[in-house]
Structure formats: C-alpha cells, structure tokens
N, C-alpha and C. Protein backbone atom coordinates (compact mmCIF):
# COMPACT_ATOMS: atom_id res chain seq x y z
N MET A 1 34.58 -8.40 -16.17
CA MET A 1 33.82 -7.86 -14.82
C MET A 1 32.28 -8.04 -14.79
N GLY A 2 31.77 -8.64 -14.04
CA GLY A 2 30.24 -8.76 -14.01
C GLY A 2 29.43 -7.58 -13.19
N VAL A 3 28.38 -7.63 -13.23
CA VAL A 3 27.36 -6.76 -12.81
C VAL A 3 27.62 -6.24 -11.49
N ILE A 4 28.03 -7.14 -10.34
CA ILE A 4 28.09 -6.65 -9.17
C ILE A 4 29.59 -5.87 -8.96
N GLN A 5 30.46 -6.48 -9.49
CA GLN A 5 31.92 -5.71 -9.48
C GLN A 5 31.64 -4.56 -10.13
N ARG A 6 31.13 -4.27 -11.41
CA ARG A 6 31.16 -3.00 -12.04
C ARG A 6 30.22 -1.89 -11.33
N TYR A 7 29.22 -2.38 -10.73
CA TYR A 7 28.27 -1.29 -10.11
C TYR A 7 28.23 -1.66 -8.71
N ALA A 8 29.15 -1.99 -7.92
CA ALA A 8 28.95 -2.28 -6.59
C ALA A 8 28.64 -0.99 -5.60
N SER A 9 29.15 0.08 -6.18
CA SER A 9 28.70 1.57 -5.41
C SER A 9 27.28 1.94 -5.66
N LEU A 10 26.58 1.14 -6.65
CA LEU A 10 25.08 1.37 -6.73
C LEU A 10 24.23 0.69 -6.45
N LEU A 11 24.68 -0.63 -6.03
CA LEU A 11 24.00 -1.65 -5.65
C LEU A 11 23.86 -2.01 -4.02
N PRO A 12 22.91 -2.37 -3.40
CA PRO A 12 22.94 -2.99 -2.20
C PRO A 12 23.90 -4.14 -1.49
N VAL A 13 25.25 -3.90 -1.74
CA VAL A 13 26.22 -5.05 -1.35
C VAL A 13 26.95 -4.54 -0.19
N THR A 14 27.34 -5.19 0.61
CA THR A 14 28.06 -5.17 1.77
C THR A 14 29.56 -5.77 1.88
N ASP A 15 30.47 -5.62 2.75
CA ASP A 15 31.63 -6.33 2.45
C ASP A 15 31.60 -7.83 2.83
N LYS A 16 30.23 -8.33 2.96
CA LYS A 16 30.03 -9.66 3.13
C LYS A 16 29.47 -10.24 1.85
N THR A 17 29.06 -9.68 0.91
CA THR A 17 28.53 -9.79 -0.23
C THR A 17 29.42 -10.58 -1.27
N PRO A 18 29.32 -11.74 -1.61
CA PRO A 18 30.24 -12.42 -2.54
C PRO A 18 30.36 -11.85 -3.99
N TYR A 19 31.19 -11.46 -4.74
CA TYR A 19 31.24 -10.97 -5.93
C TYR A 19 31.42 -12.12 -6.88
N ILE A 20 30.15 -12.79 -6.96
CA ILE A 20 30.12 -13.85 -7.94
C ILE A 20 29.89 -13.30 -9.18
N THR A 21 30.22 -14.39 -10.47
CA THR A 21 29.85 -13.46 -11.73
C THR A 21 30.05 -14.85 -12.77
N LEU A 22 29.20 -14.68 -13.72
CA LEU A 22 29.59 -15.56 -14.94
C LEU A 22 29.70 -14.75 -16.17
N GLY A 23 30.09 -13.48 -16.02
CA GLY A 23 30.36 -12.55 -17.14
C GLY A 23 29.11 -11.87 -17.49
N GLU A 24 28.01 -11.75 -16.61
CA GLU A 24 26.92 -11.31 -17.14
C GLU A 24 26.85 -9.61 -17.47
N GLY A 25 26.27 -9.02 -18.08
CA GLY A 25 26.16 -7.62 -18.37
C GLY A 25 26.90 -7.13 -19.47
N ASN A 26 27.05 -5.92 -19.78
CA ASN A 26 28.08 -5.50 -20.66
C ASN A 26 27.65 -5.85 -21.91
N THR A 27 26.45 -6.11 -22.37
CA THR A 27 25.95 -6.45 -23.63
C THR A 27 25.92 -5.56 -24.74
N PRO A 28 25.83 -5.93 -26.02
CA PRO A 28 26.11 -5.06 -26.93
C PRO A 28 24.74 -3.98 -27.08
N LEU A 29 25.17 -2.86 -27.25
CA LEU A 29 23.83 -1.94 -27.76
C LEU A 29 24.20 -1.70 -29.26
N VAL A 30 23.24 -2.28 -30.31
CA VAL A 30 23.63 -1.99 -31.69
C VAL A 30 22.65 -1.35 -32.25
N TYR A 31 23.26 -0.17 -33.19
CA TYR A 31 22.40 0.51 -33.92
C TYR A 31 21.71 -0.26 -35.14
N LEU A 32 20.41 0.00 -35.27
CA LEU A 32 19.62 -0.78 -36.32
C LEU A 32 19.47 -0.04 -37.24
N GLU A 33 20.34 0.11 -38.14
CA GLU A 33 20.42 0.95 -39.42
C GLU A 33 19.41 0.87 -40.42
N GLY A 34 19.09 -0.37 -40.59
CA GLY A 34 17.91 -0.48 -41.71
C GLY A 34 16.44 0.26 -41.39
N ILE A 35 16.31 -0.17 -40.07
CA ILE A 35 14.71 0.33 -39.59
C ILE A 35 15.04 1.84 -39.14
N SER A 36 15.92 2.02 -38.76
CA SER A 36 16.15 3.66 -38.55
C SER A 36 16.00 4.34 -39.77
N LYS A 37 16.66 3.93 -40.75
CA LYS A 37 16.46 4.91 -42.01
C LYS A 37 14.98 4.75 -42.53
N GLU A 38 14.28 3.51 -42.19
CA GLU A 38 12.93 3.38 -42.76
C GLU A 38 12.02 4.47 -42.01
N LEU A 39 12.03 4.46 -40.65
CA LEU A 39 11.29 5.23 -39.68
C LEU A 39 11.96 6.62 -39.48
N GLU A 40 12.99 7.02 -40.12
CA GLU A 40 13.74 8.35 -39.70
C GLU A 40 13.93 8.58 -38.34
N ILE A 41 14.19 7.60 -37.68
CA ILE A 41 14.74 7.71 -36.25
C ILE A 41 16.15 7.10 -35.93
N ASP A 42 16.56 7.37 -34.74
CA ASP A 42 17.65 6.64 -34.56
C ASP A 42 17.29 5.51 -33.53
N LEU A 43 17.22 4.23 -33.81
CA LEU A 43 17.00 3.02 -33.10
C LEU A 43 17.90 2.18 -32.75
N TRP A 44 18.09 1.83 -31.36
CA TRP A 44 19.11 0.88 -30.92
C TRP A 44 18.40 -0.40 -30.66
N GLY A 45 19.11 -1.35 -30.32
CA GLY A 45 18.63 -2.74 -29.93
C GLY A 45 19.85 -3.14 -28.94
N LYS A 46 19.26 -3.62 -27.59
CA LYS A 46 20.10 -4.28 -26.71
C LYS A 46 20.22 -5.47 -26.71
N LEU A 47 21.27 -6.30 -27.09
CA LEU A 47 21.28 -7.68 -27.25
C LEU A 47 21.61 -8.40 -25.80
N GLU A 48 20.30 -8.68 -25.08
CA GLU A 48 20.40 -9.39 -23.82
C GLU A 48 20.64 -10.74 -23.96
N GLY A 49 20.27 -11.39 -25.01
CA GLY A 49 20.44 -12.61 -25.37
C GLY A 49 22.08 -13.00 -25.25
N CYS A 50 23.03 -12.13 -25.26
CA CYS A 50 24.14 -12.27 -25.05
C CYS A 50 24.72 -12.73 -23.52
N ASN A 51 23.96 -12.56 -22.74
CA ASN A 51 24.26 -12.91 -21.38
C ASN A 51 24.43 -14.49 -21.07
N PRO A 52 25.02 -14.88 -20.01
CA PRO A 52 25.53 -16.13 -20.17
C PRO A 52 24.47 -17.28 -20.12
N SER A 53 23.39 -17.10 -19.76
CA SER A 53 22.23 -18.26 -19.88
C SER A 53 21.43 -17.96 -20.95
N GLY A 54 21.35 -16.75 -21.67
CA GLY A 54 20.83 -16.41 -22.65
C GLY A 54 19.81 -15.46 -22.72
N SER A 55 19.47 -14.78 -21.44
CA SER A 55 18.46 -13.50 -21.27
C SER A 55 18.83 -12.77 -20.18
N PHE A 56 18.22 -11.66 -20.15
CA PHE A 56 18.46 -10.66 -19.31
C PHE A 56 18.34 -10.90 -17.58
N LYS A 57 17.57 -12.25 -17.45
CA LYS A 57 17.66 -12.71 -15.99
C LYS A 57 18.68 -12.69 -15.35
N ASP A 58 20.07 -13.00 -15.94
CA ASP A 58 21.30 -12.92 -15.38
C ASP A 58 21.67 -11.88 -14.58
N ARG A 59 21.12 -10.72 -15.12
CA ARG A 59 21.48 -9.42 -14.46
C ARG A 59 21.20 -9.39 -12.97
N GLY A 60 19.85 -9.91 -12.77
CA GLY A 60 19.29 -9.95 -11.49
C GLY A 60 19.52 -10.98 -10.63
N MET A 61 19.86 -12.30 -11.44
CA MET A 61 19.81 -13.55 -10.84
C MET A 61 21.39 -13.45 -9.99
N VAL A 62 22.18 -12.90 -10.43
CA VAL A 62 23.55 -12.59 -9.88
C VAL A 62 23.47 -12.12 -8.65
N MET A 63 22.68 -11.00 -8.58
CA MET A 63 22.51 -10.29 -7.31
C MET A 63 21.62 -11.01 -6.46
N ALA A 64 20.54 -11.63 -6.75
CA ALA A 64 19.83 -12.57 -5.93
C ALA A 64 20.55 -13.94 -5.30
N VAL A 65 21.21 -14.18 -5.99
CA VAL A 65 22.26 -15.38 -5.67
C VAL A 65 23.22 -15.09 -4.64
N ALA A 66 23.88 -13.78 -4.95
CA ALA A 66 24.96 -13.15 -4.04
C ALA A 66 24.42 -12.87 -2.69
N LYS A 67 23.19 -12.44 -2.56
CA LYS A 67 22.38 -12.15 -1.41
C LYS A 67 21.99 -13.57 -0.79
N ALA A 68 21.64 -14.29 -1.56
CA ALA A 68 21.12 -15.75 -0.70
C ALA A 68 22.53 -16.11 -0.06
N LEU A 69 23.68 -16.18 -0.66
CA LEU A 69 24.88 -16.93 0.12
C LEU A 69 25.48 -15.89 1.15
N GLU A 70 25.03 -14.73 0.98
CA GLU A 70 25.23 -13.75 1.97
C GLU A 70 24.47 -13.90 3.12
N SER A 71 23.10 -14.47 3.17
CA SER A 71 22.18 -14.57 4.05
C SER A 71 22.40 -15.78 4.78
N GLY A 72 22.95 -16.97 4.18
CA GLY A 72 23.04 -18.20 4.40
C GLY A 72 22.05 -19.22 4.08
N ALA A 73 21.37 -18.83 3.00
CA ALA A 73 20.35 -19.73 2.45
C ALA A 73 20.85 -21.07 2.33
N LYS A 74 20.21 -22.25 2.42
CA LYS A 74 20.33 -23.62 1.96
C LYS A 74 20.39 -23.80 0.73
N ALA A 75 19.55 -23.26 -0.13
CA ALA A 75 19.23 -23.48 -1.54
C ALA A 75 18.55 -22.65 -2.21
N LEU A 76 18.56 -22.56 -3.27
CA LEU A 76 17.64 -21.66 -4.29
C LEU A 76 16.43 -22.38 -4.80
N VAL A 77 15.29 -21.44 -4.77
CA VAL A 77 14.04 -22.30 -5.44
C VAL A 77 13.46 -21.17 -6.05
N CYS A 78 12.92 -21.93 -7.40
CA CYS A 78 11.95 -20.86 -8.20
C CYS A 78 11.13 -21.49 -8.81
N ALA A 79 10.01 -20.86 -9.27
CA ALA A 79 9.03 -21.39 -10.40
C ALA A 79 9.28 -20.87 -11.64
N SER A 80 9.11 -21.59 -12.62
CA SER A 80 9.61 -21.07 -13.78
C SER A 80 9.24 -22.05 -15.12
N THR A 81 8.90 -21.24 -16.10
CA THR A 81 8.51 -22.01 -17.28
C THR A 81 9.52 -21.98 -18.45
N GLY A 82 10.69 -21.04 -18.08
CA GLY A 82 11.74 -20.61 -19.14
C GLY A 82 12.94 -20.10 -18.59
N ASN A 83 13.08 -18.72 -18.81
CA ASN A 83 14.59 -18.38 -18.51
C ASN A 83 14.77 -18.16 -16.99
N THR A 84 13.93 -18.12 -16.37
CA THR A 84 14.39 -18.05 -14.76
C THR A 84 15.08 -19.24 -14.43
N SER A 85 14.56 -20.28 -14.91
CA SER A 85 15.06 -21.44 -14.52
C SER A 85 16.47 -22.01 -14.74
N ALA A 86 16.76 -21.57 -16.23
CA ALA A 86 18.09 -21.72 -16.69
C ALA A 86 19.20 -20.64 -16.06
N SER A 87 18.84 -19.36 -15.92
CA SER A 87 19.40 -18.41 -14.89
C SER A 87 19.80 -19.10 -13.83
N ALA A 88 18.74 -19.34 -12.87
CA ALA A 88 18.92 -19.91 -11.29
C ALA A 88 19.80 -20.88 -11.19
N ALA A 89 19.45 -22.04 -12.26
CA ALA A 89 20.59 -23.11 -12.37
C ALA A 89 21.76 -22.84 -12.45
N ALA A 90 22.20 -21.94 -13.58
CA ALA A 90 23.48 -21.55 -13.91
C ALA A 90 24.34 -21.05 -12.73
N TYR A 91 23.47 -20.00 -11.97
CA TYR A 91 24.32 -19.21 -11.02
C TYR A 91 24.38 -20.02 -9.63
N ALA A 92 23.19 -21.21 -9.37
CA ALA A 92 23.52 -21.89 -8.41
C ALA A 92 24.83 -22.97 -8.55
N ALA A 93 24.91 -23.20 -9.85
CA ALA A 93 26.07 -24.09 -10.07
C ALA A 93 27.41 -23.43 -9.90
N ALA A 94 27.34 -22.15 -10.12
CA ALA A 94 28.74 -21.32 -10.10
C ALA A 94 28.92 -20.97 -8.62
N ALA A 95 27.77 -21.01 -7.81
CA ALA A 95 27.85 -20.82 -6.42
C ALA A 95 27.94 -21.95 -5.53
N GLN A 96 27.88 -22.99 -6.46
CA GLN A 96 27.93 -24.37 -5.68
C GLN A 96 26.89 -24.63 -4.53
N ILE A 97 25.65 -24.19 -4.91
CA ILE A 97 24.58 -24.20 -3.87
C ILE A 97 23.46 -25.12 -4.67
N PRO A 98 22.61 -25.79 -4.12
CA PRO A 98 21.52 -26.41 -4.75
C PRO A 98 20.48 -25.76 -5.32
N CYS A 99 19.69 -25.96 -6.35
CA CYS A 99 18.59 -25.23 -7.12
C CYS A 99 17.51 -26.15 -7.27
N TYR A 100 16.31 -25.71 -6.70
CA TYR A 100 15.05 -26.60 -6.85
C TYR A 100 14.03 -25.45 -7.89
N VAL A 101 13.86 -26.20 -9.20
CA VAL A 101 12.90 -25.41 -10.13
C VAL A 101 11.51 -26.21 -10.07
N LEU A 102 10.35 -25.45 -9.83
CA LEU A 102 9.20 -25.91 -9.87
C LEU A 102 8.47 -25.35 -11.08
N LEU A 103 7.88 -26.28 -11.83
CA LEU A 103 7.25 -25.96 -13.13
C LEU A 103 6.09 -26.48 -13.30
N PRO A 104 5.06 -25.89 -13.90
CA PRO A 104 3.81 -26.59 -14.09
C PRO A 104 3.92 -27.72 -15.33
N ALA A 105 3.47 -28.62 -14.86
CA ALA A 105 3.53 -30.00 -15.66
C ALA A 105 3.08 -29.80 -16.96
N GLY A 106 3.98 -30.07 -18.23
CA GLY A 106 3.78 -29.93 -19.56
C GLY A 106 3.61 -28.37 -20.16
N LYS A 107 4.06 -27.29 -19.18
CA LYS A 107 3.88 -26.17 -19.68
C LYS A 107 5.32 -25.38 -19.61
N VAL A 108 6.08 -25.82 -20.16
CA VAL A 108 7.57 -25.06 -20.10
C VAL A 108 8.28 -25.37 -21.49
N ALA A 109 9.26 -24.27 -21.65
CA ALA A 109 10.01 -24.36 -22.74
C ALA A 109 11.12 -25.19 -22.56
N LEU A 110 11.30 -26.42 -23.44
CA LEU A 110 12.10 -27.48 -23.31
C LEU A 110 13.37 -27.23 -23.41
N GLY A 111 13.82 -26.07 -24.18
CA GLY A 111 15.26 -25.84 -24.12
C GLY A 111 15.71 -25.04 -22.99
N LYS A 112 14.95 -24.29 -22.36
CA LYS A 112 15.31 -23.61 -21.15
C LYS A 112 15.42 -24.78 -20.14
N LEU A 113 14.24 -25.85 -20.05
CA LEU A 113 14.33 -27.08 -19.08
C LEU A 113 15.70 -27.70 -19.31
N ALA A 114 16.02 -27.88 -20.65
CA ALA A 114 17.55 -28.76 -20.65
C ALA A 114 18.51 -27.92 -19.94
N GLN A 115 18.58 -26.56 -20.18
CA GLN A 115 19.47 -26.05 -19.50
C GLN A 115 19.75 -26.05 -18.11
N ALA A 116 18.53 -25.90 -17.39
CA ALA A 116 18.35 -26.22 -16.01
C ALA A 116 19.01 -27.46 -15.53
N LEU A 117 18.49 -28.55 -16.32
CA LEU A 117 18.94 -29.85 -15.93
C LEU A 117 20.24 -29.79 -15.94
N MET A 118 20.87 -29.51 -17.14
CA MET A 118 22.54 -29.42 -17.52
C MET A 118 23.15 -28.75 -16.47
N TYR A 119 22.65 -27.74 -15.75
CA TYR A 119 23.45 -26.84 -14.70
C TYR A 119 23.16 -27.50 -13.49
N GLY A 120 22.56 -28.73 -13.36
CA GLY A 120 22.47 -29.70 -12.20
C GLY A 120 21.04 -29.26 -11.37
N ALA A 121 20.30 -28.46 -11.64
CA ALA A 121 19.04 -28.14 -10.99
C ALA A 121 18.26 -29.25 -10.87
N GLU A 122 17.22 -29.60 -9.72
CA GLU A 122 16.56 -30.48 -9.43
C GLU A 122 15.09 -29.88 -9.92
N VAL A 123 14.42 -30.56 -10.91
CA VAL A 123 13.27 -30.08 -11.69
C VAL A 123 12.13 -30.89 -11.23
N ILE A 124 11.04 -30.06 -10.56
CA ILE A 124 9.94 -30.58 -10.01
C ILE A 124 8.68 -30.37 -10.75
N ALA A 125 7.72 -31.15 -11.37
CA ALA A 125 6.78 -31.08 -12.13
C ALA A 125 5.59 -30.88 -10.98
N VAL A 126 4.80 -29.63 -11.10
CA VAL A 126 3.70 -29.36 -10.32
C VAL A 126 2.44 -29.41 -10.98
N THR A 127 1.39 -30.18 -10.30
CA THR A 127 0.07 -29.88 -10.91
C THR A 127 -0.58 -28.76 -10.77
N GLY A 128 -0.91 -28.23 -11.93
CA GLY A 128 -1.56 -26.88 -11.80
C GLY A 128 -0.73 -25.72 -12.64
N ASN A 129 -1.26 -24.63 -12.40
CA ASN A 129 -0.62 -23.46 -13.22
C ASN A 129 0.63 -22.86 -12.75
N PHE A 130 1.30 -21.80 -13.34
CA PHE A 130 2.40 -21.07 -12.89
C PHE A 130 2.30 -20.68 -11.38
N ASP A 131 1.06 -20.09 -10.99
CA ASP A 131 0.84 -19.59 -9.87
C ASP A 131 0.78 -20.45 -8.72
N ARG A 132 0.32 -21.61 -9.06
CA ARG A 132 0.47 -22.79 -8.16
C ARG A 132 1.95 -23.09 -7.68
N ALA A 133 2.81 -23.33 -9.09
CA ALA A 133 4.19 -23.36 -8.83
C ALA A 133 4.92 -22.30 -8.04
N LEU A 134 4.42 -21.15 -8.20
CA LEU A 134 5.24 -20.15 -7.44
C LEU A 134 4.78 -20.07 -5.82
N GLU A 135 3.37 -20.25 -5.58
CA GLU A 135 2.89 -20.53 -4.39
C GLU A 135 3.85 -21.48 -3.54
N MET A 136 4.00 -22.76 -4.28
CA MET A 136 4.79 -23.61 -3.68
C MET A 136 6.38 -23.31 -3.49
N ALA A 137 6.90 -22.60 -4.30
CA ALA A 137 8.04 -22.09 -4.18
C ALA A 137 8.15 -21.06 -3.08
N ARG A 138 7.35 -20.46 -2.63
CA ARG A 138 7.32 -19.55 -1.58
C ARG A 138 7.23 -20.27 -0.35
N GLU A 139 6.31 -21.34 -0.22
CA GLU A 139 6.29 -22.16 0.92
C GLU A 139 7.62 -22.89 1.17
N ALA A 140 8.14 -23.18 0.00
CA ALA A 140 9.61 -23.96 0.21
C ALA A 140 10.49 -22.89 0.93
N ALA A 141 10.51 -21.65 0.49
CA ALA A 141 11.52 -20.70 0.92
C ALA A 141 11.11 -20.31 2.37
N ASP A 142 9.79 -20.16 2.50
CA ASP A 142 9.32 -20.10 4.27
C ASP A 142 9.79 -21.30 5.18
N GLU A 143 9.41 -22.43 4.81
CA GLU A 143 9.80 -23.38 5.59
C GLU A 143 10.99 -24.21 5.55
N LYS A 144 11.74 -23.90 4.70
CA LYS A 144 13.09 -24.83 4.41
C LYS A 144 14.43 -23.68 4.61
N GLY A 145 14.19 -22.60 4.42
CA GLY A 145 15.30 -21.66 4.70
C GLY A 145 15.81 -21.39 3.15
N TYR A 146 15.03 -21.68 2.18
CA TYR A 146 15.49 -21.54 0.60
C TYR A 146 15.44 -20.25 0.38
N ALA A 147 16.16 -19.66 -0.59
CA ALA A 147 16.11 -18.38 -1.24
C ALA A 147 15.04 -18.55 -2.40
N ILE A 148 14.01 -17.71 -2.53
CA ILE A 148 13.29 -17.61 -3.74
C ILE A 148 13.90 -16.79 -4.39
N VAL A 149 14.38 -17.08 -5.68
CA VAL A 149 14.74 -16.11 -6.90
C VAL A 149 13.75 -15.79 -8.03
N ASN A 150 12.61 -15.90 -7.77
CA ASN A 150 11.80 -15.30 -8.78
C ASN A 150 11.83 -13.78 -8.79
N SER A 151 10.99 -13.36 -9.58
CA SER A 151 11.31 -11.62 -9.24
C SER A 151 10.56 -10.96 -8.05
N VAL A 152 9.90 -11.74 -7.37
CA VAL A 152 9.39 -11.47 -6.27
C VAL A 152 10.78 -10.88 -5.33
N ASN A 153 11.82 -11.40 -5.36
CA ASN A 153 13.08 -11.19 -4.70
C ASN A 153 13.66 -9.89 -5.19
N PRO A 154 13.35 -8.95 -4.42
CA PRO A 154 13.87 -7.50 -4.65
C PRO A 154 15.26 -7.43 -5.25
N TYR A 155 16.22 -8.33 -4.77
CA TYR A 155 17.60 -8.14 -5.46
C TYR A 155 17.85 -8.29 -6.88
N ARG A 156 16.66 -9.27 -7.52
CA ARG A 156 16.69 -9.52 -8.89
C ARG A 156 16.40 -8.10 -9.60
N LEU A 157 15.48 -7.17 -9.07
CA LEU A 157 15.43 -5.95 -9.89
C LEU A 157 16.41 -4.95 -9.71
N TRP A 158 17.11 -5.04 -8.43
CA TRP A 158 18.29 -4.42 -8.53
C TRP A 158 19.15 -4.69 -9.30
N GLY A 159 19.71 -5.87 -9.48
CA GLY A 159 20.67 -6.12 -10.66
C GLY A 159 20.20 -5.93 -12.09
N GLN A 160 18.88 -6.05 -12.32
CA GLN A 160 18.44 -5.57 -13.62
C GLN A 160 18.42 -4.05 -13.91
N ARG A 161 18.74 -3.11 -12.90
CA ARG A 161 18.87 -1.78 -13.06
C ARG A 161 20.12 -1.65 -14.18
N SER A 162 20.99 -2.44 -13.79
CA SER A 162 22.32 -2.43 -14.72
C SER A 162 22.18 -2.20 -16.14
N GLY A 163 21.11 -2.96 -16.80
CA GLY A 163 20.85 -2.80 -18.15
C GLY A 163 20.45 -0.99 -18.45
N ALA A 164 19.95 -0.48 -17.69
CA ALA A 164 19.54 1.03 -17.93
C ALA A 164 20.96 1.67 -17.95
N TRP A 165 21.45 1.51 -16.81
CA TRP A 165 22.99 2.14 -16.51
C TRP A 165 23.81 1.84 -17.85
N GLU A 166 23.93 0.66 -18.27
CA GLU A 166 24.61 0.45 -19.64
C GLU A 166 24.32 1.09 -20.75
N VAL A 167 22.91 1.43 -20.81
CA VAL A 167 22.54 2.16 -22.00
C VAL A 167 22.92 3.47 -21.85
N CYS A 168 22.67 4.17 -20.92
CA CYS A 168 23.00 5.59 -20.56
C CYS A 168 24.61 5.67 -20.94
N GLU A 169 25.42 4.80 -20.48
CA GLU A 169 26.74 4.90 -20.65
C GLU A 169 27.19 4.88 -21.90
N ASP A 170 26.60 3.89 -22.70
CA ASP A 170 26.73 3.71 -24.33
C ASP A 170 26.47 4.82 -25.06
N LEU A 171 25.10 5.52 -24.71
CA LEU A 171 24.77 6.55 -25.53
C LEU A 171 25.03 7.84 -24.92
N ARG A 172 25.60 7.82 -23.65
CA ARG A 172 26.28 8.89 -23.07
C ARG A 172 25.16 10.06 -22.53
N GLU A 173 23.80 9.54 -22.79
CA GLU A 173 22.72 10.05 -22.01
C GLU A 173 21.64 8.92 -21.92
N ALA A 174 20.34 9.23 -21.48
CA ALA A 174 19.23 8.29 -21.48
C ALA A 174 18.62 8.27 -23.04
N PRO A 175 18.07 7.28 -23.45
CA PRO A 175 17.31 7.57 -24.45
C PRO A 175 16.00 8.37 -24.38
N ASP A 176 15.40 8.79 -25.50
CA ASP A 176 14.40 9.46 -25.45
C ASP A 176 13.10 8.56 -25.23
N TRP A 177 13.14 7.49 -25.73
CA TRP A 177 12.05 6.34 -25.61
C TRP A 177 12.73 5.17 -25.40
N HIS A 178 12.08 4.10 -24.72
CA HIS A 178 12.75 3.05 -24.38
C HIS A 178 11.43 2.02 -24.43
N ALA A 179 11.59 1.12 -25.35
CA ALA A 179 10.34 0.10 -25.61
C ALA A 179 10.97 -1.13 -25.24
N ILE A 180 10.32 -1.70 -24.24
CA ILE A 180 10.60 -3.09 -23.50
C ILE A 180 9.55 -4.30 -23.39
N PRO A 181 9.69 -5.49 -23.79
CA PRO A 181 8.59 -6.45 -23.54
C PRO A 181 8.35 -6.66 -22.10
N VAL A 182 7.10 -6.61 -21.90
CA VAL A 182 6.63 -6.93 -20.33
C VAL A 182 5.78 -8.36 -20.20
N GLY A 183 6.37 -8.96 -19.28
CA GLY A 183 5.67 -10.24 -18.78
C GLY A 183 4.91 -9.91 -17.29
N ASN A 184 5.82 -9.94 -16.09
CA ASN A 184 5.12 -9.58 -15.08
C ASN A 184 5.72 -8.18 -14.74
N ALA A 185 6.27 -7.27 -15.68
CA ALA A 185 6.67 -6.23 -15.45
C ALA A 185 7.79 -5.90 -14.52
N GLY A 186 8.44 -6.75 -14.27
CA GLY A 186 9.51 -6.54 -13.44
C GLY A 186 10.84 -5.88 -13.96
N ASN A 187 11.13 -6.17 -15.36
CA ASN A 187 12.16 -5.79 -15.89
C ASN A 187 11.94 -4.27 -16.42
N ILE A 188 10.64 -3.83 -16.75
CA ILE A 188 10.50 -2.43 -17.06
C ILE A 188 10.68 -1.58 -15.85
N SER A 189 10.18 -2.21 -14.82
CA SER A 189 9.94 -1.54 -13.45
C SER A 189 11.71 -1.47 -13.00
N ALA A 190 12.30 -2.39 -13.59
CA ALA A 190 13.75 -2.31 -13.00
C ALA A 190 14.75 -1.16 -13.92
N TYR A 191 14.35 -1.05 -14.90
CA TYR A 191 15.01 -0.20 -15.98
C TYR A 191 14.58 1.39 -15.49
N TRP A 192 13.20 1.35 -15.35
CA TRP A 192 12.93 2.80 -14.86
C TRP A 192 13.53 3.25 -13.65
N ALA A 193 13.72 2.47 -12.45
CA ALA A 193 14.30 2.55 -11.26
C ALA A 193 15.90 2.82 -11.59
N GLY A 194 16.43 2.16 -12.64
CA GLY A 194 17.58 2.33 -12.96
C GLY A 194 18.03 3.62 -13.71
N TYR A 195 17.05 4.30 -14.51
CA TYR A 195 16.93 5.27 -15.14
C TYR A 195 17.09 6.69 -13.87
N LYS A 196 15.94 6.41 -13.21
CA LYS A 196 15.60 7.40 -12.10
C LYS A 196 17.06 7.45 -11.09
N GLN A 197 17.51 6.45 -10.74
CA GLN A 197 18.61 6.42 -9.92
C GLN A 197 19.98 7.43 -10.51
N TYR A 198 20.12 6.74 -11.96
CA TYR A 198 21.16 7.59 -12.58
C TYR A 198 20.81 9.07 -12.66
N LYS A 199 19.57 9.67 -12.75
CA LYS A 199 19.29 10.86 -12.74
C LYS A 199 19.56 11.56 -11.47
N GLU A 200 19.17 10.80 -10.34
CA GLU A 200 19.23 11.50 -9.17
C GLU A 200 20.79 11.60 -8.53
N ILE A 201 21.54 10.87 -9.31
CA ILE A 201 23.22 10.98 -8.60
C ILE A 201 23.77 11.81 -9.76
N GLY A 202 23.11 12.48 -10.80
CA GLY A 202 23.51 13.28 -11.78
C GLY A 202 24.43 12.81 -13.18
N LYS A 203 23.98 11.48 -13.42
CA LYS A 203 24.60 10.77 -14.51
C LYS A 203 23.91 11.15 -15.80
N ILE A 204 22.66 11.41 -15.66
CA ILE A 204 22.01 11.99 -16.86
C ILE A 204 20.93 13.14 -16.40
N LYS A 205 20.65 13.92 -17.44
CA LYS A 205 19.75 14.93 -17.13
C LYS A 205 18.36 14.55 -17.32
N ALA A 206 17.71 13.83 -18.14
CA ALA A 206 16.29 13.70 -18.37
C ALA A 206 15.92 12.11 -18.15
N LEU A 207 14.86 11.79 -18.18
CA LEU A 207 14.39 10.69 -18.11
C LEU A 207 13.61 10.03 -19.40
N PRO A 208 13.87 8.97 -19.68
CA PRO A 208 13.23 8.28 -21.18
C PRO A 208 11.54 8.10 -20.68
N LYS A 209 10.91 8.22 -22.00
CA LYS A 209 9.54 7.70 -21.90
C LYS A 209 9.52 6.12 -21.89
N MET A 210 8.89 5.44 -21.30
CA MET A 210 8.87 3.86 -21.27
C MET A 210 7.65 3.43 -21.88
N MET A 211 7.76 2.39 -22.86
CA MET A 211 6.70 1.66 -23.33
C MET A 211 6.95 0.05 -23.23
N GLY A 212 5.58 -0.15 -22.61
CA GLY A 212 5.68 -1.69 -22.39
C GLY A 212 5.02 -2.67 -23.40
N PHE A 213 5.26 -3.61 -23.92
CA PHE A 213 4.56 -4.27 -24.79
C PHE A 213 4.61 -5.75 -24.25
N GLN A 214 3.30 -6.43 -24.18
CA GLN A 214 2.98 -7.66 -23.63
C GLN A 214 3.88 -8.76 -24.37
N ALA A 215 4.80 -9.48 -23.76
CA ALA A 215 5.61 -10.52 -24.33
C ALA A 215 4.83 -11.89 -24.50
C-alpha cells in the first residue's frame, strides 16, 4: 500500500485521482542504540533511502504525478541535479507519461542521472545554473501544458507530510525533537505541516521542535 492509498483521507485527493504507487512510504524507523547510549537519549533514524528510487522525494512525487494525471497534463518536467530527476522519471514510467529533466551541464549526480535515463526520461543539459534550469522548467510547464514536479508543486509537499505521520504512528506520539537536512526547506516544511495536521485531528498531543541542518 502506497502513500495515497494509506493516507487518502488526509490528502487532497478526489474520486478522479489515480491511486498510483511504486510502494513508497512505510520506511523503517530504526532505534540507533549505540549513539543513544553514548548521548543518553533515545535517538531514532528514519531510513528514507528505502523508498523506491532511493530518497524521500518519492513520497511527494507520487502525489504530484497523480494530480498531474488527474489534471490531464501532457508530460512531467523538472529541474534537478539528483534525487528529483530519479523520482520523477520512475513515477513517469509507472504512469506512462513522458518526463523531461533539465539539468545544469556538468553539475549533476551521475548515479541519479543514470536512474533517470534508465526509467526513460529525456534529459536536457542547460547552460547555466540550477536556477536557470528551474526557470526553463517553469516556462515549459506554462507554455506546453506540462506539470512541473519540483518542490514548487504543492502536491509534492502534501505527499511528504506522510513521513511525519509514519513517525507518529511508529512512536505512538510525536518525537520531542526532529532533526532533518535542509536543501530548499521543502521537506522540513512538509514534516512540520504533517505534525500540525496530526495534532489538529487529535492524533498527537504535542508538536516536536524542528531542527534543520544544511544538506
């Protein structure tokens, strides 16, 4: 059961939203015994690398792609130097919709690029930096009817809330603290929104303190 199926009642899905999945979510929450003893705390790590394409991006991507299909988008487009391209390409292949990946020439994680190519995405090198690639992705979305699936897509962050819900379910409460790496701050924002949503519906009594660390 994937993120959409498991959390449909909490997500902005309709009767027209396709329930696609590659088995994302439900990743292990592992007790880190050694460092917990050393620091005299209870420390847990959530293994998001166990998602289908190898990163947390799959949680949000499944929502973004499902809503793209619902809206009749002709293709997916993203700017990426790594995980986003692999995730977008994987879900595009599952949904049988074209995927275009724009990347700054010479500034990309080769392993993730290989994933995108294997999943059948069309990869286009852009002269300039990531911001220029994202600008071109936005233009393609506006002009050609593509769905942009970077974190500017609000459905990405909706899907990523599911990580917070799983943590609460595994611990039977919210953690006291949640430390999370930060790139563009989309994921930490999604987790915070997820915790707040769970508190609002009475699933947890307190909110964690969030700590962001530059990735």
